[in-house]
Amino acid sequence: MTPTFQLSLDTVHSSYLYHII
C-alpha cells in the first residue's frame, strides 16, 4: 500500500465525515 493512496483514502474519509455533519 502506497502512502499516497493512504492519504487519498484519508481525504475521502474526511469528506464523508464533513458531509454527514
N, C-alpha and C. Protein backbone atom coordinates (compact mmCIF):
# COMPACT_ATOMS: atom_id res chain seq x y z
N MET A 1 0.85 -1.21 0.00
CA MET A 1 0.00 0.00 0.00
C MET A 1 0.89 1.25 0.00
N THR A 2 0.62 2.15 -0.91
CA THR A 2 1.44 3.36 -1.00
C THR A 2 0.91 4.46 -0.10
N PRO A 3 1.80 5.26 0.46
CA PRO A 3 1.41 6.38 1.34
C PRO A 3 0.42 7.33 0.67
N THR A 4 0.63 7.53 -0.64
CA THR A 4 -0.25 8.45 -1.38
C THR A 4 -1.68 7.94 -1.36
N PHE A 5 -1.82 6.63 -1.57
CA PHE A 5 -3.15 6.03 -1.58
C PHE A 5 -3.80 6.19 -0.20
N GLN A 6 -3.00 5.98 0.83
CA GLN A 6 -3.49 6.12 2.20
C GLN A 6 -3.97 7.54 2.46
N LEU A 7 -3.21 8.49 1.97
CA LEU A 7 -3.56 9.90 2.15
C LEU A 7 -4.87 10.20 1.43
N SER A 8 -4.99 9.66 0.22
CA SER A 8 -6.20 9.88 -0.56
C SER A 8 -7.41 9.30 0.16
N LEU A 9 -7.22 8.10 0.71
CA LEU A 9 -8.31 7.44 1.42
C LEU A 9 -8.72 8.28 2.63
N ASP A 10 -7.73 8.83 3.33
CA ASP A 10 -7.99 9.67 4.50
C ASP A 10 -8.78 10.91 4.10
N THR A 11 -8.43 11.48 2.95
CA THR A 11 -9.13 12.67 2.46
C THR A 11 -10.58 12.34 2.17
N VAL A 12 -10.80 11.20 1.54
CA VAL A 12 -12.16 10.76 1.22
C VAL A 12 -12.96 10.57 2.50
N HIS A 13 -12.32 9.97 3.50
CA HIS A 13 -12.97 9.74 4.78
C HIS A 13 -13.39 11.06 5.42
N SER A 14 -12.51 12.03 5.36
CA SER A 14 -12.79 13.36 5.92
C SER A 14 -13.96 13.99 5.18
N SER A 15 -13.98 13.84 3.87
CA SER A 15 -15.05 14.42 3.06
C SER A 15 -16.40 13.83 3.49
N TYR A 16 -16.42 12.52 3.68
CA TYR A 16 -17.65 11.85 4.09
C TYR A 16 -18.10 12.34 5.47
N LEU A 17 -17.13 12.49 6.37
CA LEU A 17 -17.45 12.96 7.72
C LEU A 17 -18.06 14.35 7.67
N TYR A 18 -17.46 15.22 6.86
CA TYR A 18 -17.97 16.59 6.76
C TYR A 18 -19.36 16.59 6.14
N HIS A 19 -19.58 15.67 5.21
CA HIS A 19 -20.89 15.58 4.56
C HIS A 19 -21.97 15.18 5.56
N ILE A 20 -21.60 14.25 6.46
CA ILE A 20 -22.55 13.76 7.45
C ILE A 20 -22.92 14.87 8.43
N ILE A 21 -21.90 15.65 8.82
CA ILE A 21 -22.13 16.70 9.82
C ILE A 21 -23.03 17.79 9.23
